């Protein structure tokens, strides 16, 4: 999956999670910029795993805390 598809699908997952368009940016933090709480993050990871057809290890979850860290993770996993 190329970078453009990863970004497009990630954007769709964030919108499905309920994040407003204006809060989505490459350098945005889920907790601070998008104001996502634990429930939002659980939904986000569920949608992310479903959309990209992968399972994210529990040890990796805390490292995925921003749009850029998610893109980096997906580039490694979907290459």
N, C-alpha and C. Protein backbone atom coordinates (compact mmCIF):
# COMPACT_ATOMS: atom_id res chain seq x y z
N UNK A 1 0.86 -1.18 0.00
CA UNK A 1 0.00 0.00 0.00
C UNK A 1 0.90 1.24 0.00
N UNK A 2 0.61 2.16 -0.90
CA UNK A 2 1.46 3.34 -1.00
C UNK A 2 1.09 4.41 0.04
N UNK A 3 1.95 5.40 0.14
CA UNK A 3 1.79 6.45 1.15
C UNK A 3 0.46 7.19 1.01
N UNK A 4 0.07 7.46 -0.21
CA UNK A 4 -1.18 8.20 -0.45
C UNK A 4 -2.39 7.41 0.05
N UNK A 5 -2.41 6.10 -0.21
CA UNK A 5 -3.52 5.25 0.25
C UNK A 5 -3.54 5.15 1.77
N UNK A 6 -2.36 5.05 2.38
CA UNK A 6 -2.28 5.00 3.84
C UNK A 6 -2.87 6.26 4.43
N UNK A 7 -2.46 7.41 3.92
CA UNK A 7 -2.97 8.69 4.44
C UNK A 7 -4.47 8.83 4.21
N UNK A 8 -4.95 8.45 3.05
CA UNK A 8 -6.38 8.55 2.75
C UNK A 8 -7.20 7.66 3.68
N UNK A 9 -6.76 6.42 3.86
CA UNK A 9 -7.50 5.51 4.72
C UNK A 9 -7.41 5.92 6.19
N UNK A 10 -6.27 6.45 6.60
CA UNK A 10 -6.14 6.94 7.97
C UNK A 10 -7.09 8.11 8.20
N UNK A 11 -7.17 9.01 7.24
CA UNK A 11 -8.10 10.14 7.32
C UNK A 11 -9.54 9.63 7.48
N UNK A 12 -9.91 8.62 6.71
CA UNK A 12 -11.26 8.05 6.80
C UNK A 12 -11.51 7.43 8.17
N UNK A 13 -10.50 6.75 8.71
CA UNK A 13 -10.64 6.16 10.05
C UNK A 13 -10.83 7.26 11.09
N UNK A 14 -10.05 8.32 11.01
CA UNK A 14 -10.18 9.42 11.96
C UNK A 14 -11.54 10.09 11.86
N UNK A 15 -12.04 10.29 10.66
CA UNK A 15 -13.38 10.88 10.48
C UNK A 15 -14.45 9.95 11.04
N UNK A 16 -14.30 8.65 10.83
CA UNK A 16 -15.27 7.68 11.34
C UNK A 16 -15.25 7.66 12.86
N UNK A 17 -14.09 7.92 13.45
CA UNK A 17 -13.95 7.98 14.90
C UNK A 17 -14.61 9.23 15.47
N UNK A 18 -14.83 10.23 14.62
CA UNK A 18 -15.51 11.45 15.05
C UNK A 18 -14.62 12.67 15.15
N UNK A 19 -13.42 12.58 14.63
CA UNK A 19 -12.50 13.72 14.67
C UNK A 19 -12.91 14.73 13.60
N UNK A 20 -13.08 16.01 13.97
CA UNK A 20 -13.43 17.03 12.98
C UNK A 20 -12.29 17.23 11.96
N UNK A 21 -12.67 17.54 10.74
CA UNK A 21 -11.69 17.72 9.66
C UNK A 21 -10.58 18.70 10.02
N UNK A 22 -10.96 19.82 10.64
CA UNK A 22 -9.98 20.87 10.92
C UNK A 22 -8.95 20.46 11.97
N UNK A 23 -9.18 19.40 12.70
CA UNK A 23 -8.22 18.94 13.71
C UNK A 23 -7.23 17.92 13.16
N UNK A 24 -7.46 17.43 11.96
CA UNK A 24 -6.60 16.40 11.38
C UNK A 24 -5.43 17.07 10.65
N UNK A 25 -4.23 16.79 11.14
CA UNK A 25 -2.99 17.30 10.53
C UNK A 25 -1.89 16.28 10.80
N UNK A 26 -0.87 16.28 9.97
CA UNK A 26 0.21 15.30 10.09
C UNK A 26 0.92 15.36 11.44
N UNK A 27 1.01 16.55 12.03
CA UNK A 27 1.71 16.70 13.31
C UNK A 27 0.76 16.68 14.50
N UNK A 28 -0.50 16.34 14.29
CA UNK A 28 -1.50 16.38 15.37
C UNK A 28 -1.36 15.19 16.31
N UNK A 29 -1.50 15.48 17.59
CA UNK A 29 -1.51 14.47 18.64
C UNK A 29 -2.96 14.06 18.90
N UNK A 30 -3.19 12.78 19.11
CA UNK A 30 -4.56 12.32 19.34
C UNK A 30 -5.13 12.88 20.64
N UNK A 31 -4.33 12.86 21.68
CA UNK A 31 -4.82 13.30 22.99
C UNK A 31 -4.91 14.83 23.08
N UNK A 32 -3.86 15.53 22.70
CA UNK A 32 -3.82 16.98 22.90
C UNK A 32 -4.52 17.78 21.80
N UNK A 33 -4.31 17.41 20.54
CA UNK A 33 -4.87 18.19 19.43
C UNK A 33 -6.27 17.73 19.02
N UNK A 34 -6.50 16.43 19.08
CA UNK A 34 -7.79 15.89 18.65
C UNK A 34 -8.73 15.61 19.81
N UNK A 35 -8.21 15.78 21.03
CA UNK A 35 -9.00 15.62 22.26
C UNK A 35 -9.66 14.25 22.37
N UNK A 36 -8.92 13.22 21.97
CA UNK A 36 -9.44 11.86 22.04
C UNK A 36 -9.17 11.28 23.43
N UNK A 37 -10.20 10.66 24.01
CA UNK A 37 -10.05 10.01 25.30
C UNK A 37 -9.84 8.50 25.09
N UNK A 38 -9.82 7.74 26.18
CA UNK A 38 -9.54 6.30 26.09
C UNK A 38 -10.58 5.57 25.24
N UNK A 39 -11.84 5.96 25.37
CA UNK A 39 -12.89 5.32 24.57
C UNK A 39 -12.70 5.63 23.09
N UNK A 40 -12.40 6.88 22.78
CA UNK A 40 -12.14 7.26 21.38
C UNK A 40 -10.96 6.48 20.82
N UNK A 41 -9.92 6.32 21.61
CA UNK A 41 -8.73 5.60 21.15
C UNK A 41 -9.04 4.13 20.90
N UNK A 42 -9.87 3.54 21.76
CA UNK A 42 -10.27 2.15 21.56
C UNK A 42 -11.01 1.99 20.24
N UNK A 43 -11.95 2.88 19.97
CA UNK A 43 -12.69 2.86 18.70
C UNK A 43 -11.74 3.09 17.54
N UNK A 44 -10.84 4.05 17.69
CA UNK A 44 -9.87 4.36 16.63
C UNK A 44 -9.04 3.13 16.28
N UNK A 45 -8.50 2.45 17.29
CA UNK A 45 -7.66 1.28 17.02
C UNK A 45 -8.48 0.15 16.39
N UNK A 46 -9.73 -0.01 16.82
CA UNK A 46 -10.60 -1.02 16.21
C UNK A 46 -10.81 -0.72 14.73
N UNK A 47 -11.18 0.52 14.41
CA UNK A 47 -11.40 0.91 13.02
C UNK A 47 -10.10 0.80 12.21
N UNK A 48 -8.99 1.18 12.82
CA UNK A 48 -7.69 1.12 12.14
C UNK A 48 -7.34 -0.32 11.78
N UNK A 49 -7.49 -1.22 12.74
CA UNK A 49 -7.19 -2.63 12.50
C UNK A 49 -8.11 -3.21 11.42
N UNK A 50 -9.37 -2.81 11.45
CA UNK A 50 -10.33 -3.31 10.47
C UNK A 50 -10.02 -2.77 9.08
N UNK A 51 -9.79 -1.47 8.97
CA UNK A 51 -9.55 -0.84 7.67
C UNK A 51 -8.27 -1.36 7.00
N UNK A 52 -7.23 -1.56 7.81
CA UNK A 52 -5.94 -1.98 7.26
C UNK A 52 -5.71 -3.49 7.38
N UNK A 53 -6.70 -4.21 7.91
CA UNK A 53 -6.64 -5.66 8.03
C UNK A 53 -5.36 -6.12 8.73
N UNK A 54 -5.14 -5.59 9.93
CA UNK A 54 -3.97 -5.96 10.72
C UNK A 54 -4.33 -5.99 12.20
N UNK A 55 -3.45 -6.59 12.98
CA UNK A 55 -3.61 -6.62 14.43
C UNK A 55 -2.44 -5.85 15.04
N UNK A 56 -2.76 -4.87 15.86
CA UNK A 56 -1.73 -4.05 16.50
C UNK A 56 -1.42 -4.66 17.86
N UNK A 57 -0.15 -4.93 18.11
CA UNK A 57 0.27 -5.53 19.37
C UNK A 57 0.04 -4.54 20.52
N UNK A 58 -0.32 -5.07 21.68
CA UNK A 58 -0.57 -4.22 22.85
C UNK A 58 0.64 -3.37 23.23
N UNK A 59 1.84 -3.89 23.02
CA UNK A 59 3.05 -3.14 23.36
C UNK A 59 3.23 -1.93 22.45
N UNK A 60 2.65 -1.97 21.28
CA UNK A 60 2.80 -0.90 20.29
C UNK A 60 1.79 0.22 20.51
N UNK A 61 0.66 -0.06 21.10
CA UNK A 61 -0.41 0.93 21.24
C UNK A 61 0.03 2.26 21.85
N UNK A 62 0.80 2.27 22.95
CA UNK A 62 1.21 3.57 23.51
C UNK A 62 2.11 4.39 22.59
N UNK A 63 2.79 3.73 21.66
CA UNK A 63 3.69 4.44 20.75
C UNK A 63 2.93 5.15 19.63
N UNK A 64 1.69 4.73 19.39
CA UNK A 64 0.87 5.34 18.34
C UNK A 64 0.05 6.44 19.00
N UNK A 65 0.62 7.65 19.05
CA UNK A 65 -0.02 8.74 19.78
C UNK A 65 -0.24 9.99 18.93
N UNK A 66 0.09 9.89 17.64
CA UNK A 66 -0.10 11.03 16.74
C UNK A 66 -0.35 10.52 15.33
N UNK A 67 -0.76 11.42 14.47
CA UNK A 67 -1.00 11.05 13.07
C UNK A 67 0.30 10.56 12.45
N UNK A 68 1.39 11.28 12.66
CA UNK A 68 2.67 10.89 12.05
C UNK A 68 3.16 9.54 12.56
N UNK A 69 3.03 9.27 13.85
CA UNK A 69 3.46 7.97 14.37
C UNK A 69 2.61 6.84 13.80
N UNK A 70 1.33 7.12 13.53
CA UNK A 70 0.46 6.13 12.92
C UNK A 70 0.87 5.88 11.47
N UNK A 71 1.16 6.94 10.74
CA UNK A 71 1.62 6.80 9.35
C UNK A 71 2.91 5.99 9.30
N UNK A 72 3.85 6.30 10.18
CA UNK A 72 5.12 5.56 10.22
C UNK A 72 4.88 4.08 10.50
N UNK A 73 4.01 3.79 11.46
CA UNK A 73 3.69 2.41 11.81
C UNK A 73 3.06 1.68 10.62
N UNK A 74 2.10 2.33 9.99
CA UNK A 74 1.40 1.71 8.86
C UNK A 74 2.32 1.51 7.67
N UNK A 75 3.25 2.42 7.44
CA UNK A 75 4.21 2.26 6.35
C UNK A 75 5.07 1.02 6.57
N UNK A 76 5.43 0.74 7.81
CA UNK A 76 6.23 -0.44 8.12
C UNK A 76 5.40 -1.72 7.97
N UNK A 77 4.17 -1.67 8.47
CA UNK A 77 3.32 -2.87 8.46
C UNK A 77 2.70 -3.18 7.11
N UNK A 78 2.43 -2.17 6.32
CA UNK A 78 1.73 -2.36 5.04
C UNK A 78 2.66 -2.37 3.84
N UNK A 79 3.96 -2.39 4.10
CA UNK A 79 4.93 -2.35 2.99
C UNK A 79 4.99 -3.67 2.25
